[in-house]
């Protein structure tokens, strides 16, 4: 059961690592799955917040 969970850890890091280079070198310095996830959530939240506001203002 532990092997399954561990397999997901490296897989997620690898997949995110491919997108990491596309962004700033901050992810490279962190090199942590938690830091990457936090950045991704923040970026998505920031983009979703303005998008929702614009959609509401533009009926």
PDB file of N, CA and C in Angstrom:
ATOM      1  N   UNK A   1       0.856  -1.205   0.000  1.00  0.00           N
ATOM      2  CA  UNK A   1       0.000   0.000   0.000  1.00  0.00           C
ATOM      3  C   UNK A   1       0.888   1.250   0.000  1.00  0.00           C
ATOM      4  N   UNK A   2       2.011   1.147   0.692  1.00  0.00           N
ATOM      5  CA  UNK A   2       2.909   2.308   0.768  1.00  0.00           C
ATOM      6  C   UNK A   2       3.539   2.576  -0.614  1.00  0.00           C
ATOM      7  N   UNK A   3       3.814   1.531  -1.332  1.00  0.00           N
ATOM      8  CA  UNK A   3       4.452   1.681  -2.657  1.00  0.00           C
ATOM      9  C   UNK A   3       3.542   2.532  -3.560  1.00  0.00           C
ATOM     10  N   UNK A   4       2.241   2.313  -3.487  1.00  0.00           N
ATOM     11  CA  UNK A   4       1.312   3.081  -4.333  1.00  0.00           C
ATOM     12  C   UNK A   4       1.399   4.564  -4.002  1.00  0.00           C
ATOM     13  N   UNK A   5       1.385   4.866  -2.734  1.00  0.00           N
ATOM     14  CA  UNK A   5       1.418   6.284  -2.319  1.00  0.00           C
ATOM     15  C   UNK A   5       2.757   6.910  -2.747  1.00  0.00           C
ATOM     16  N   UNK A   6       3.824   6.161  -2.560  1.00  0.00           N
ATOM     17  CA  UNK A   6       5.165   6.676  -2.893  1.00  0.00           C
ATOM     18  C   UNK A   6       5.270   6.899  -4.407  1.00  0.00           C
ATOM     19  N   UNK A   7       4.663   6.027  -5.170  1.00  0.00           N
ATOM     20  CA  UNK A   7       4.742   6.144  -6.637  1.00  0.00           C
ATOM     21  C   UNK A   7       4.074   7.450  -7.086  1.00  0.00           C
ATOM     22  N   UNK A   8       3.052   7.855  -6.386  1.00  0.00           N
ATOM     23  CA  UNK A   8       2.336   9.085  -6.775  1.00  0.00           C
ATOM     24  C   UNK A   8       3.212  10.306  -6.459  1.00  0.00           C
ATOM     25  N   UNK A   9       3.992  10.224  -5.401  1.00  0.00           N
ATOM     26  CA  UNK A   9       4.831  11.369  -4.996  1.00  0.00           C
ATOM     27  C   UNK A   9       5.813  11.750  -6.118  1.00  0.00           C
ATOM     28  N   UNK A  10       6.644  10.823  -6.564  1.00  0.00           N
ATOM     29  CA  UNK A  10       7.611  11.138  -7.633  1.00  0.00           C
ATOM     30  C   UNK A  10       6.916  11.479  -8.949  1.00  0.00           C
ATOM     31  N   UNK A  11       5.819  10.829  -9.201  1.00  0.00           N
ATOM     32  CA  UNK A  11       5.093  11.076 -10.465  1.00  0.00           C
ATOM     33  C   UNK A  11       4.617  12.535 -10.499  1.00  0.00           C
ATOM     34  N   UNK A  12       4.034  12.987  -9.399  1.00  0.00           N
ATOM     35  CA  UNK A  12       3.504  14.362  -9.352  1.00  0.00           C
ATOM     36  C   UNK A  12       4.659  15.358  -9.493  1.00  0.00           C
ATOM     37  N   UNK A  13       5.750  15.073  -8.813  1.00  0.00           N
ATOM     38  CA  UNK A  13       6.897  15.994  -8.877  1.00  0.00           C
ATOM     39  C   UNK A  13       7.441  16.069 -10.305  1.00  0.00           C
ATOM     40  N   UNK A  14       7.502  14.923 -10.962  1.00  0.00           N
ATOM     41  CA  UNK A  14       8.036  14.897 -12.330  1.00  0.00           C
ATOM     42  C   UNK A  14       7.131  15.705 -13.261  1.00  0.00           C
ATOM     43  N   UNK A  15       5.850  15.459 -13.135  1.00  0.00           N
ATOM     44  CA  UNK A  15       4.887  16.147 -14.013  1.00  0.00           C
ATOM     45  C   UNK A  15       4.956  17.654 -13.770  1.00  0.00           C
ATOM     46  N   UNK A  16       4.994  18.049 -12.522  1.00  0.00           N
ATOM     47  CA  UNK A  16       5.024  19.483 -12.200  1.00  0.00           C
ATOM     48  C   UNK A  16       6.384  20.052 -12.608  1.00  0.00           C
ATOM     49  N   UNK A  17       7.407  19.275 -12.508  1.00  0.00           N
ATOM     50  CA  UNK A  17       8.762  19.768 -12.840  1.00  0.00           C
ATOM     51  C   UNK A  17       8.764  20.201 -14.318  1.00  0.00           C
ATOM     52  N   UNK A  18       8.064  19.509 -15.142  1.00  0.00           N
ATOM     53  CA  UNK A  18       8.032  19.863 -16.572  1.00  0.00           C
ATOM     54  C   UNK A  18       7.417  21.257 -16.743  1.00  0.00           C
ATOM     55  N   UNK A  19       6.436  21.575 -15.908  1.00  0.00           N
ATOM     56  CA  UNK A  19       5.776  22.890 -16.021  1.00  0.00           C
ATOM     57  C   UNK A  19       6.565  23.944 -15.217  1.00  0.00           C
ATOM     58  N   UNK A  20       7.347  23.480 -14.253  1.00  0.00           N
ATOM     59  CA  UNK A  20       8.107  24.408 -13.400  1.00  0.00           C
ATOM     60  C   UNK A  20       9.011  25.311 -14.250  1.00  0.00           C
ATOM     61  N   UNK A  21       9.794  24.752 -15.166  1.00  0.00           N
ATOM     62  CA  UNK A  21      10.697  25.572 -15.992  1.00  0.00           C
ATOM     63  C   UNK A  21       9.946  26.666 -16.753  1.00  0.00           C
ATOM     64  N   UNK A  22       8.689  26.410 -17.059  1.00  0.00           N
ATOM     65  CA  UNK A  22       7.909  27.398 -17.819  1.00  0.00           C
ATOM     66  C   UNK A  22       7.730  28.666 -16.977  1.00  0.00           C
ATOM     67  N   UNK A  23       7.683  28.502 -15.665  1.00  0.00           N
ATOM     68  CA  UNK A  23       7.483  29.653 -14.777  1.00  0.00           C
ATOM     69  C   UNK A  23       8.824  30.194 -14.293  1.00  0.00           C
ATOM     70  N   UNK A  24       8.804  30.959 -13.225  1.00  0.00           N
ATOM     71  CA  UNK A  24      10.030  31.555 -12.673  1.00  0.00           C
ATOM     72  C   UNK A  24      10.932  30.481 -12.068  1.00  0.00           C
ATOM     73  N   UNK A  25      12.193  30.830 -11.811  1.00  0.00           N
ATOM     74  CA  UNK A  25      13.149  29.869 -11.232  1.00  0.00           C
ATOM     75  C   UNK A  25      12.889  29.628  -9.754  1.00  0.00           C
ATOM     76  N   UNK A  26      11.809  30.169  -9.249  1.00  0.00           N
ATOM     77  CA  UNK A  26      11.504  29.989  -7.818  1.00  0.00           C
ATOM     78  C   UNK A  26      11.224  28.520  -7.525  1.00  0.00           C
ATOM     79  N   UNK A  27      10.477  27.874  -8.402  1.00  0.00           N
ATOM     80  CA  UNK A  27      10.133  26.462  -8.194  1.00  0.00           C
ATOM     81  C   UNK A  27      11.417  25.633  -8.154  1.00  0.00           C
ATOM     82  N   UNK A  28      12.373  25.986  -8.987  1.00  0.00           N
ATOM     83  CA  UNK A  28      13.621  25.213  -9.032  1.00  0.00           C
ATOM     84  C   UNK A  28      14.324  25.280  -7.673  1.00  0.00           C
ATOM     85  N   UNK A  29      14.254  26.414  -7.051  1.00  0.00           N
ATOM     86  CA  UNK A  29      14.941  26.600  -5.769  1.00  0.00           C
ATOM     87  C   UNK A  29      14.188  25.813  -4.685  1.00  0.00           C
ATOM     88  N   UNK A  30      12.890  25.849  -4.735  1.00  0.00           N
ATOM     89  CA  UNK A  30      12.087  25.132  -3.726  1.00  0.00           C
ATOM     90  C   UNK A  30      12.259  23.625  -3.907  1.00  0.00           C
ATOM     91  N   UNK A  31      12.079  23.161  -5.138  1.00  0.00           N
ATOM     92  CA  UNK A  31      12.247  21.718  -5.421  1.00  0.00           C
ATOM     93  C   UNK A  31      11.453  20.886  -4.418  1.00  0.00           C
ATOM     94  N   UNK A  32      10.343  21.404  -3.965  1.00  0.00           N
ATOM     95  CA  UNK A  32       9.502  20.669  -2.998  1.00  0.00           C
ATOM     96  C   UNK A  32       8.097  20.515  -3.565  1.00  0.00           C
ATOM     97  N   UNK A  33       7.497  19.342  -3.395  1.00  0.00           N
ATOM     98  CA  UNK A  33       6.133  19.117  -3.907  1.00  0.00           C
ATOM     99  C   UNK A  33       5.126  20.022  -3.200  1.00  0.00           C
ATOM    100  N   UNK A  34       5.379  20.320  -1.925  1.00  0.00           N
ATOM    101  CA  UNK A  34       4.448  21.176  -1.169  1.00  0.00           C
ATOM    102  C   UNK A  34       4.532  22.616  -1.680  1.00  0.00           C
ATOM    103  N   UNK A  35       5.728  23.104  -1.902  1.00  0.00           N
ATOM    104  CA  UNK A  35       5.889  24.476  -2.381  1.00  0.00           C
ATOM    105  C   UNK A  35       5.266  24.642  -3.758  1.00  0.00           C
ATOM    106  N   UNK A  36       5.476  23.668  -4.609  1.00  0.00           N
ATOM    107  CA  UNK A  36       4.917  23.745  -5.969  1.00  0.00           C
ATOM    108  C   UNK A  36       3.401  23.774  -5.899  1.00  0.00           C
ATOM    109  N   UNK A  37       2.852  22.893  -5.074  1.00  0.00           N
ATOM    110  CA  UNK A  37       1.380  22.811  -4.979  1.00  0.00           C
ATOM    111  C   UNK A  37       0.847  24.152  -4.466  1.00  0.00           C
ATOM    112  N   UNK A  38       1.521  24.729  -3.467  1.00  0.00           N
ATOM    113  CA  UNK A  38       1.054  26.006  -2.917  1.00  0.00           C
ATOM    114  C   UNK A  38       1.082  27.092  -3.983  1.00  0.00           C
ATOM    115  N   UNK A  39       2.133  27.141  -4.770  1.00  0.00           N
ATOM    116  CA  UNK A  39       2.229  28.165  -5.818  1.00  0.00           C
ATOM    117  C   UNK A  39       1.145  27.966  -6.867  1.00  0.00           C
ATOM    118  N   UNK A  40       0.918  26.703  -7.207  1.00  0.00           N
ATOM    119  CA  UNK A  40      -0.081  26.428  -8.259  1.00  0.00           C
ATOM    120  C   UNK A  40      -1.464  26.869  -7.780  1.00  0.00           C
ATOM    121  N   UNK A  41      -1.760  26.596  -6.532  1.00  0.00           N
ATOM    122  CA  UNK A  41      -3.087  26.946  -5.993  1.00  0.00           C
ATOM    123  C   UNK A  41      -3.221  28.472  -5.938  1.00  0.00           C
ATOM    124  N   UNK A  42      -2.170  29.139  -5.538  1.00  0.00           N
ATOM    125  CA  UNK A  42      -2.224  30.605  -5.445  1.00  0.00           C
ATOM    126  C   UNK A  42      -2.464  31.212  -6.828  1.00  0.00           C
ATOM    127  N   UNK A  43      -1.732  30.724  -7.803  1.00  0.00           N
ATOM    128  CA  UNK A  43      -1.872  31.260  -9.168  1.00  0.00           C
ATOM    129  C   UNK A  43      -3.284  31.033  -9.681  1.00  0.00           C
ATOM    130  N   UNK A  44      -3.783  29.821  -9.442  1.00  0.00           N
ATOM    131  CA  UNK A  44      -5.136  29.512  -9.933  1.00  0.00           C
ATOM    132  C   UNK A  44      -6.154  30.402  -9.218  1.00  0.00           C
ATOM    133  N   UNK A  45      -5.993  30.567  -7.923  1.00  0.00           N
ATOM    134  CA  UNK A  45      -6.943  31.385  -7.163  1.00  0.00           C
ATOM    135  C   UNK A  45      -6.917  32.831  -7.656  1.00  0.00           C
ATOM    136  N   UNK A  46      -5.731  33.353  -7.882  1.00  0.00           N
ATOM    137  CA  UNK A  46      -5.625  34.745  -8.337  1.00  0.00           C
ATOM    138  C   UNK A  46      -6.296  34.925  -9.698  1.00  0.00           C
ATOM    139  N   UNK A  47      -6.083  33.963 -10.565  1.00  0.00           N
ATOM    140  CA  UNK A  47      -6.662  34.058 -11.923  1.00  0.00           C
ATOM    141  C   UNK A  47      -8.175  33.861 -11.859  1.00  0.00           C
ATOM    142  N   UNK A  48      -8.595  32.963 -10.958  1.00  0.00           N
ATOM    143  CA  UNK A  48     -10.040  32.691 -10.879  1.00  0.00           C
ATOM    144  C   UNK A  48     -10.764  33.896 -10.251  1.00  0.00           C
ATOM    145  N   UNK A  49     -10.144  34.540  -9.317  1.00  0.00           N
ATOM    146  CA  UNK A  49     -10.789  35.675  -8.640  1.00  0.00           C
ATOM    147  C   UNK A  49     -11.132  36.786  -9.651  1.00  0.00           C
ATOM    148  N   UNK A  50     -10.149  37.271 -10.416  1.00  0.00           N
ATOM    149  CA  UNK A  50     -10.426  38.343 -11.383  1.00  0.00           C
ATOM    150  C   UNK A  50     -11.370  37.877 -12.486  1.00  0.00           C
ATOM    151  N   UNK A  51     -11.213  36.628 -12.879  1.00  0.00           N
ATOM    152  CA  UNK A  51     -12.072  36.118 -13.967  1.00  0.00           C
ATOM    153  C   UNK A  51     -13.535  36.167 -13.532  1.00  0.00           C
ATOM    154  N   UNK A  52     -13.792  35.718 -12.313  1.00  0.00           N
ATOM    155  CA  UNK A  52     -15.177  35.714 -11.818  1.00  0.00           C
ATOM    156  C   UNK A  52     -15.714  37.138 -11.758  1.00  0.00           C
ATOM    157  N   UNK A  53     -14.905  38.059 -11.263  1.00  0.00           N
ATOM    158  CA  UNK A  53     -15.354  39.458 -11.154  1.00  0.00           C
ATOM    159  C   UNK A  53     -15.700  40.017 -12.534  1.00  0.00           C
ATOM    160  N   UNK A  54     -14.831  39.744 -13.491  1.00  0.00           N
ATOM    161  CA  UNK A  54     -15.058  40.271 -14.854  1.00  0.00           C
ATOM    162  C   UNK A  54     -16.347  39.674 -15.431  1.00  0.00           C
ATOM    163  N   UNK A  55     -16.510  38.371 -15.196  1.00  0.00           N
ATOM    164  CA  UNK A  55     -17.700  37.698 -15.756  1.00  0.00           C
ATOM    165  C   UNK A  55     -18.965  38.340 -15.160  1.00  0.00           C
ATOM    166  N   UNK A  56     -18.903  38.672 -13.895  1.00  0.00           N
ATOM    167  CA  UNK A  56     -20.089  39.247 -13.215  1.00  0.00           C
ATOM    168  C   UNK A  56     -20.337  40.666 -13.754  1.00  0.00           C
ATOM    169  N   UNK A  57     -19.288  41.413 -13.940  1.00  0.00           N
ATOM    170  CA  UNK A  57     -19.470  42.786 -14.428  1.00  0.00           C
ATOM    171  C   UNK A  57     -19.944  42.781 -15.876  1.00  0.00           C
ATOM    172  N   UNK A  58     -19.528  41.774 -16.627  1.00  0.00           N
ATOM    173  CA  UNK A  58     -19.915  41.701 -18.058  1.00  0.00           C
ATOM    174  C   UNK A  58     -21.071  40.700 -18.213  1.00  0.00           C
ATOM    175  N   UNK A  59     -22.286  41.108 -18.106  1.00  0.00           N
ATOM    176  CA  UNK A  59     -23.430  40.189 -18.179  1.00  0.00           C
ATOM    177  C   UNK A  59     -23.579  39.553 -19.566  1.00  0.00           C
TER     178      UNK A  59
END
